[in-house]
């Protein structure tokens, strides 16, 4: 009987992007609505992406087992 393949988490696949060097980046939070009270510099800073930590990278590897970029 063939072994079952692991499923890739589609929500994680949409939320995280992979760089060529193997880093994982994500979008910053709090930018969808209620931003009128924020300063312009705060809103600009939230548009940038943020890299995740090594401990979080291990969790993401479990969610996306077939992403070869994470093995680097």
PDB file of N, CA and C in Angstrom:
ATOM      1  N   UNK A   1       0.841  -1.175   0.000  1.00  0.00           N
ATOM      2  CA  UNK A   1       0.000   0.000   0.000  1.00  0.00           C
ATOM      3  C   UNK A   1       0.893   1.247   0.000  1.00  0.00           C
ATOM      4  N   UNK A   2       0.614   2.223  -0.875  1.00  0.00           N
ATOM      5  CA  UNK A   2       1.482   3.408  -0.938  1.00  0.00           C
ATOM      6  C   UNK A   2       1.311   4.294   0.288  1.00  0.00           C
ATOM      7  N   UNK A   3       2.399   4.988   0.620  1.00  0.00           N
ATOM      8  CA  UNK A   3       2.346   5.898   1.762  1.00  0.00           C
ATOM      9  C   UNK A   3       1.592   7.168   1.383  1.00  0.00           C
ATOM     10  N   UNK A   4       0.967   7.765   2.361  1.00  0.00           N
ATOM     11  CA  UNK A   4       0.242   9.004   2.130  1.00  0.00           C
ATOM     12  C   UNK A   4       1.226  10.167   2.113  1.00  0.00           C
ATOM     13  N   UNK A   5       0.994  11.117   1.238  1.00  0.00           N
ATOM     14  CA  UNK A   5       1.838  12.306   1.187  1.00  0.00           C
ATOM     15  C   UNK A   5       1.326  13.333   2.187  1.00  0.00           C
ATOM     16  N   UNK A   6       2.240  14.158   2.669  1.00  0.00           N
ATOM     17  CA  UNK A   6       1.854  15.235   3.568  1.00  0.00           C
ATOM     18  C   UNK A   6       1.241  16.368   2.767  1.00  0.00           C
ATOM     19  N   UNK A   7       0.234  17.012   3.333  1.00  0.00           N
ATOM     20  CA  UNK A   7      -0.408  18.121   2.644  1.00  0.00           C
ATOM     21  C   UNK A   7       0.290  19.426   2.997  1.00  0.00           C
ATOM     22  N   UNK A   8       0.377  20.308   2.018  1.00  0.00           N
ATOM     23  CA  UNK A   8       0.899  21.648   2.235  1.00  0.00           C
ATOM     24  C   UNK A   8      -0.231  22.522   2.747  1.00  0.00           C
ATOM     25  N   UNK A   9       0.052  23.306   3.771  1.00  0.00           N
ATOM     26  CA  UNK A   9      -0.937  24.233   4.299  1.00  0.00           C
ATOM     27  C   UNK A   9      -1.082  25.395   3.323  1.00  0.00           C
ATOM     28  N   UNK A  10      -2.238  25.516   2.699  1.00  0.00           N
ATOM     29  CA  UNK A  10      -2.446  26.549   1.687  1.00  0.00           C
ATOM     30  C   UNK A  10      -2.461  27.940   2.302  1.00  0.00           C
ATOM     31  N   UNK A  11      -2.931  28.069   3.536  1.00  0.00           N
ATOM     32  CA  UNK A  11      -2.933  29.388   4.169  1.00  0.00           C
ATOM     33  C   UNK A  11      -1.509  29.853   4.448  1.00  0.00           C
ATOM     34  N   UNK A  12      -0.637  28.940   4.848  1.00  0.00           N
ATOM     35  CA  UNK A  12       0.759  29.302   5.080  1.00  0.00           C
ATOM     36  C   UNK A  12       1.465  29.613   3.768  1.00  0.00           C
ATOM     37  N   UNK A  13       1.115  28.910   2.716  1.00  0.00           N
ATOM     38  CA  UNK A  13       1.729  29.138   1.412  1.00  0.00           C
ATOM     39  C   UNK A  13       1.409  30.535   0.889  1.00  0.00           C
ATOM     40  N   UNK A  14       0.209  31.041   1.205  1.00  0.00           N
ATOM     41  CA  UNK A  14      -0.179  32.376   0.760  1.00  0.00           C
ATOM     42  C   UNK A  14       0.442  33.470   1.620  1.00  0.00           C
ATOM     43  N   UNK A  15       0.759  33.174   2.867  1.00  0.00           N
ATOM     44  CA  UNK A  15       1.227  34.208   3.790  1.00  0.00           C
ATOM     45  C   UNK A  15       2.727  34.419   3.789  1.00  0.00           C
ATOM     46  N   UNK A  16       3.494  33.430   3.393  1.00  0.00           N
ATOM     47  CA  UNK A  16       4.948  33.521   3.494  1.00  0.00           C
ATOM     48  C   UNK A  16       5.587  33.474   2.122  1.00  0.00           C
ATOM     49  N   UNK A  17       6.665  34.261   1.965  1.00  0.00           N
ATOM     50  CA  UNK A  17       7.444  34.274   0.730  1.00  0.00           C
ATOM     51  C   UNK A  17       8.864  33.857   1.060  1.00  0.00           C
ATOM     52  N   UNK A  18       9.523  33.245   0.099  1.00  0.00           N
ATOM     53  CA  UNK A  18      10.860  32.718   0.318  1.00  0.00           C
ATOM     54  C   UNK A  18      11.870  33.479  -0.520  1.00  0.00           C
ATOM     55  N   UNK A  19      12.980  33.848   0.104  1.00  0.00           N
ATOM     56  CA  UNK A  19      14.047  34.515  -0.623  1.00  0.00           C
ATOM     57  C   UNK A  19      14.962  33.466  -1.230  1.00  0.00           C
ATOM     58  N   UNK A  20      15.865  33.905  -2.087  1.00  0.00           N
ATOM     59  CA  UNK A  20      16.781  32.974  -2.747  1.00  0.00           C
ATOM     60  C   UNK A  20      17.788  32.390  -1.768  1.00  0.00           C
ATOM     61  N   UNK A  21      18.055  33.100  -0.678  1.00  0.00           N
ATOM     62  CA  UNK A  21      19.028  32.610   0.297  1.00  0.00           C
ATOM     63  C   UNK A  21      18.401  31.704   1.341  1.00  0.00           C
ATOM     64  N   UNK A  22      17.085  31.486   1.278  1.00  0.00           N
ATOM     65  CA  UNK A  22      16.432  30.579   2.206  1.00  0.00           C
ATOM     66  C   UNK A  22      15.723  31.257   3.357  1.00  0.00           C
ATOM     67  N   UNK A  23      15.706  32.588   3.383  1.00  0.00           N
ATOM     68  CA  UNK A  23      14.989  33.288   4.443  1.00  0.00           C
ATOM     69  C   UNK A  23      13.501  33.307   4.117  1.00  0.00           C
ATOM     70  N   UNK A  24      12.693  33.426   5.152  1.00  0.00           N
ATOM     71  CA  UNK A  24      11.244  33.467   4.983  1.00  0.00           C
ATOM     72  C   UNK A  24      10.768  34.839   5.420  1.00  0.00           C
ATOM     73  N   UNK A  25       9.990  35.503   4.568  1.00  0.00           N
ATOM     74  CA  UNK A  25       9.494  36.825   4.909  1.00  0.00           C
ATOM     75  C   UNK A  25       7.979  36.790   4.996  1.00  0.00           C
ATOM     76  N   UNK A  26       7.453  37.725   5.757  1.00  0.00           N
ATOM     77  CA  UNK A  26       6.010  37.830   5.934  1.00  0.00           C
ATOM     78  C   UNK A  26       5.618  39.296   5.893  1.00  0.00           C
ATOM     79  N   UNK A  27       4.333  39.546   5.758  1.00  0.00           N
ATOM     80  CA  UNK A  27       3.811  40.897   5.736  1.00  0.00           C
ATOM     81  C   UNK A  27       3.585  41.373   7.164  1.00  0.00           C
ATOM     82  N   UNK A  28       3.783  42.657   7.396  1.00  0.00           N
ATOM     83  CA  UNK A  28       3.521  43.194   8.726  1.00  0.00           C
ATOM     84  C   UNK A  28       2.017  43.342   8.939  1.00  0.00           C
ATOM     85  N   UNK A  29       1.614  43.357  10.198  1.00  0.00           N
ATOM     86  CA  UNK A  29       0.194  43.412  10.543  1.00  0.00           C
ATOM     87  C   UNK A  29      -0.264  44.857  10.744  1.00  0.00           C
ATOM     88  N   UNK A  30      -1.555  45.026  10.995  1.00  0.00           N
ATOM     89  CA  UNK A  30      -2.190  46.298  11.331  1.00  0.00           C
ATOM     90  C   UNK A  30      -2.134  47.306  10.193  1.00  0.00           C
ATOM     91  N   UNK A  31      -2.394  46.868   8.981  1.00  0.00           N
ATOM     92  CA  UNK A  31      -2.388  47.798   7.854  1.00  0.00           C
ATOM     93  C   UNK A  31      -3.680  47.732   7.038  1.00  0.00           C
ATOM     94  N   UNK A  32      -4.651  46.963   7.479  1.00  0.00           N
ATOM     95  CA  UNK A  32      -5.864  46.802   6.683  1.00  0.00           C
ATOM     96  C   UNK A  32      -6.867  47.932   6.889  1.00  0.00           C
ATOM     97  N   UNK A  33      -7.145  48.305   8.115  1.00  0.00           N
ATOM     98  CA  UNK A  33      -8.106  49.374   8.364  1.00  0.00           C
ATOM     99  C   UNK A  33      -7.795  50.016   9.705  1.00  0.00           C
ATOM    100  N   UNK A  34      -8.466  51.131  10.002  1.00  0.00           N
ATOM    101  CA  UNK A  34      -8.224  51.957  11.196  1.00  0.00           C
ATOM    102  C   UNK A  34      -6.813  52.534  11.188  1.00  0.00           C
ATOM    103  N   UNK A  35      -6.364  53.036  10.042  1.00  0.00           N
ATOM    104  CA  UNK A  35      -5.020  53.576   9.943  1.00  0.00           C
ATOM    105  C   UNK A  35      -4.989  55.095   9.849  1.00  0.00           C
ATOM    106  N   UNK A  36      -6.125  55.760   9.922  1.00  0.00           N
ATOM    107  CA  UNK A  36      -6.146  57.213   9.764  1.00  0.00           C
ATOM    108  C   UNK A  36      -5.415  57.909  10.904  1.00  0.00           C
ATOM    109  N   UNK A  37      -5.428  57.322  12.070  1.00  0.00           N
ATOM    110  CA  UNK A  37      -4.776  57.950  13.220  1.00  0.00           C
ATOM    111  C   UNK A  37      -3.261  57.744  13.222  1.00  0.00           C
ATOM    112  N   UNK A  38      -2.750  56.834  12.407  1.00  0.00           N
ATOM    113  CA  UNK A  38      -1.316  56.565  12.369  1.00  0.00           C
ATOM    114  C   UNK A  38      -0.596  57.638  11.569  1.00  0.00           C
ATOM    115  N   UNK A  39       0.647  57.871  11.911  1.00  0.00           N
ATOM    116  CA  UNK A  39       1.450  58.822  11.152  1.00  0.00           C
ATOM    117  C   UNK A  39       1.852  58.192   9.824  1.00  0.00           C
ATOM    118  N   UNK A  40       2.289  59.031   8.914  1.00  0.00           N
ATOM    119  CA  UNK A  40       2.687  58.534   7.602  1.00  0.00           C
ATOM    120  C   UNK A  40       3.882  57.611   7.674  1.00  0.00           C
ATOM    121  N   UNK A  41       4.822  57.923   8.559  1.00  0.00           N
ATOM    122  CA  UNK A  41       6.013  57.073   8.669  1.00  0.00           C
ATOM    123  C   UNK A  41       5.651  55.698   9.221  1.00  0.00           C
ATOM    124  N   UNK A  42       4.684  55.655  10.116  1.00  0.00           N
ATOM    125  CA  UNK A  42       4.246  54.365  10.653  1.00  0.00           C
ATOM    126  C   UNK A  42       3.621  53.516   9.559  1.00  0.00           C
ATOM    127  N   UNK A  43       2.794  54.146   8.736  1.00  0.00           N
ATOM    128  CA  UNK A  43       2.154  53.397   7.653  1.00  0.00           C
ATOM    129  C   UNK A  43       3.173  52.931   6.623  1.00  0.00           C
ATOM    130  N   UNK A  44       4.147  53.768   6.333  1.00  0.00           N
ATOM    131  CA  UNK A  44       5.190  53.377   5.377  1.00  0.00           C
ATOM    132  C   UNK A  44       6.017  52.220   5.910  1.00  0.00           C
ATOM    133  N   UNK A  45       6.342  52.256   7.200  1.00  0.00           N
ATOM    134  CA  UNK A  45       7.126  51.175   7.796  1.00  0.00           C
ATOM    135  C   UNK A  45       6.368  49.857   7.791  1.00  0.00           C
ATOM    136  N   UNK A  46       5.061  49.913   7.912  1.00  0.00           N
ATOM    137  CA  UNK A  46       4.273  48.681   7.914  1.00  0.00           C
ATOM    138  C   UNK A  46       4.144  48.068   6.530  1.00  0.00           C
ATOM    139  N   UNK A  47       4.446  48.815   5.487  1.00  0.00           N
ATOM    140  CA  UNK A  47       4.392  48.255   4.139  1.00  0.00           C
ATOM    141  C   UNK A  47       5.558  47.322   3.859  1.00  0.00           C
ATOM    142  N   UNK A  48       6.619  47.447   4.614  1.00  0.00           N
ATOM    143  CA  UNK A  48       7.802  46.615   4.406  1.00  0.00           C
ATOM    144  C   UNK A  48       7.537  45.197   4.904  1.00  0.00           C
ATOM    145  N   UNK A  49       8.318  44.266   4.390  1.00  0.00           N
ATOM    146  CA  UNK A  49       8.195  42.892   4.861  1.00  0.00           C
ATOM    147  C   UNK A  49       9.138  42.663   6.032  1.00  0.00           C
ATOM    148  N   UNK A  50       8.881  41.608   6.762  1.00  0.00           N
ATOM    149  CA  UNK A  50       9.678  41.291   7.938  1.00  0.00           C
ATOM    150  C   UNK A  50      10.105  39.833   7.841  1.00  0.00           C
ATOM    151  N   UNK A  51      11.355  39.560   8.183  1.00  0.00           N
ATOM    152  CA  UNK A  51      11.843  38.183   8.178  1.00  0.00           C
ATOM    153  C   UNK A  51      11.452  37.497   9.477  1.00  0.00           C
ATOM    154  N   UNK A  52      11.234  36.201   9.407  1.00  0.00           N
ATOM    155  CA  UNK A  52      10.844  35.462  10.599  1.00  0.00           C
ATOM    156  C   UNK A  52      12.080  34.882  11.274  1.00  0.00           C
ATOM    157  N   UNK A  53      11.921  34.442  12.510  1.00  0.00           N
ATOM    158  CA  UNK A  53      13.037  33.916  13.285  1.00  0.00           C
ATOM    159  C   UNK A  53      13.281  32.449  12.946  1.00  0.00           C
ATOM    160  N   UNK A  54      14.391  31.930  13.435  1.00  0.00           N
ATOM    161  CA  UNK A  54      14.765  30.539  13.154  1.00  0.00           C
ATOM    162  C   UNK A  54      13.775  29.573  13.793  1.00  0.00           C
ATOM    163  N   UNK A  55      13.307  29.893  14.991  1.00  0.00           N
ATOM    164  CA  UNK A  55      12.362  28.996  15.657  1.00  0.00           C
ATOM    165  C   UNK A  55      11.028  28.945  14.915  1.00  0.00           C
ATOM    166  N   UNK A  56      10.607  30.063  14.344  1.00  0.00           N
ATOM    167  CA  UNK A  56       9.377  30.064  13.558  1.00  0.00           C
ATOM    168  C   UNK A  56       9.573  29.342  12.232  1.00  0.00           C
ATOM    169  N   UNK A  57      10.794  29.370  11.714  1.00  0.00           N
ATOM    170  CA  UNK A  57      11.089  28.706  10.447  1.00  0.00           C
ATOM    171  C   UNK A  57      10.860  27.201  10.553  1.00  0.00           C
ATOM    172  N   UNK A  58      11.151  26.632  11.717  1.00  0.00           N
ATOM    173  CA  UNK A  58      10.925  25.204  11.923  1.00  0.00           C
ATOM    174  C   UNK A  58       9.432  24.877  11.875  1.00  0.00           C
ATOM    175  N   UNK A  59       8.607  25.756  12.437  1.00  0.00           N
ATOM    176  CA  UNK A  59       7.163  25.535  12.399  1.00  0.00           C
ATOM    177  C   UNK A  59       6.624  25.623  10.976  1.00  0.00           C
ATOM    178  N   UNK A  60       7.150  26.568  10.211  1.00  0.00           N
ATOM    179  CA  UNK A  60       6.694  26.742   8.838  1.00  0.00           C
ATOM    180  C   UNK A  60       7.120  25.559   7.982  1.00  0.00           C
ATOM    181  N   UNK A  61       8.264  24.984   8.295  1.00  0.00           N
ATOM    182  CA  UNK A  61       8.719  23.813   7.549  1.00  0.00           C
ATOM    183  C   UNK A  61       7.748  22.646   7.734  1.00  0.00           C
ATOM    184  N   UNK A  62       7.133  22.540   8.906  1.00  0.00           N
ATOM    185  CA  UNK A  62       6.131  21.494   9.128  1.00  0.00           C
ATOM    186  C   UNK A  62       4.855  21.767   8.331  1.00  0.00           C
ATOM    187  N   UNK A  63       4.527  23.052   8.139  1.00  0.00           N
ATOM    188  CA  UNK A  63       3.323  23.394   7.390  1.00  0.00           C
ATOM    189  C   UNK A  63       3.510  23.215   5.889  1.00  0.00           C
ATOM    190  N   UNK A  64       4.756  23.408   5.418  1.00  0.00           N
ATOM    191  CA  UNK A  64       5.043  23.291   3.991  1.00  0.00           C
ATOM    192  C   UNK A  64       6.191  22.313   3.787  1.00  0.00           C
ATOM    193  N   UNK A  65       5.914  21.022   3.791  1.00  0.00           N
ATOM    194  CA  UNK A  65       6.993  20.033   3.766  1.00  0.00           C
ATOM    195  C   UNK A  65       7.737  19.943   2.441  1.00  0.00           C
ATOM    196  N   UNK A  66       7.157  20.434   1.352  1.00  0.00           N
ATOM    197  CA  UNK A  66       7.786  20.251   0.048  1.00  0.00           C
ATOM    198  C   UNK A  66       8.426  21.517  -0.496  1.00  0.00           C
ATOM    199  N   UNK A  67       8.579  22.536   0.324  1.00  0.00           N
ATOM    200  CA  UNK A  67       9.285  23.748  -0.100  1.00  0.00           C
ATOM    201  C   UNK A  67      10.770  23.513   0.086  1.00  0.00           C
ATOM    202  N   UNK A  68      11.491  23.363  -1.002  1.00  0.00           N
ATOM    203  CA  UNK A  68      12.915  23.048  -0.936  1.00  0.00           C
ATOM    204  C   UNK A  68      13.753  24.205  -0.430  1.00  0.00           C
ATOM    205  N   UNK A  69      13.216  25.412  -0.470  1.00  0.00           N
ATOM    206  CA  UNK A  69      13.965  26.586  -0.040  1.00  0.00           C
ATOM    207  C   UNK A  69      14.257  26.521   1.451  1.00  0.00           C
ATOM    208  N   UNK A  70      13.398  25.869   2.211  1.00  0.00           N
ATOM    209  CA  UNK A  70      13.554  25.837   3.662  1.00  0.00           C
ATOM    210  C   UNK A  70      14.693  24.940   4.114  1.00  0.00           C
ATOM    211  N   UNK A  71      15.221  24.106   3.237  1.00  0.00           N
ATOM    212  CA  UNK A  71      16.280  23.188   3.634  1.00  0.00           C
ATOM    213  C   UNK A  71      17.647  23.849   3.681  1.00  0.00           C
ATOM    214  N   UNK A  72      17.762  25.067   3.179  1.00  0.00           N
ATOM    215  CA  UNK A  72      19.068  25.737   3.138  1.00  0.00           C
ATOM    216  C   UNK A  72      19.484  26.254   4.480  1.00  0.00           C
TER     217      UNK A  72
END
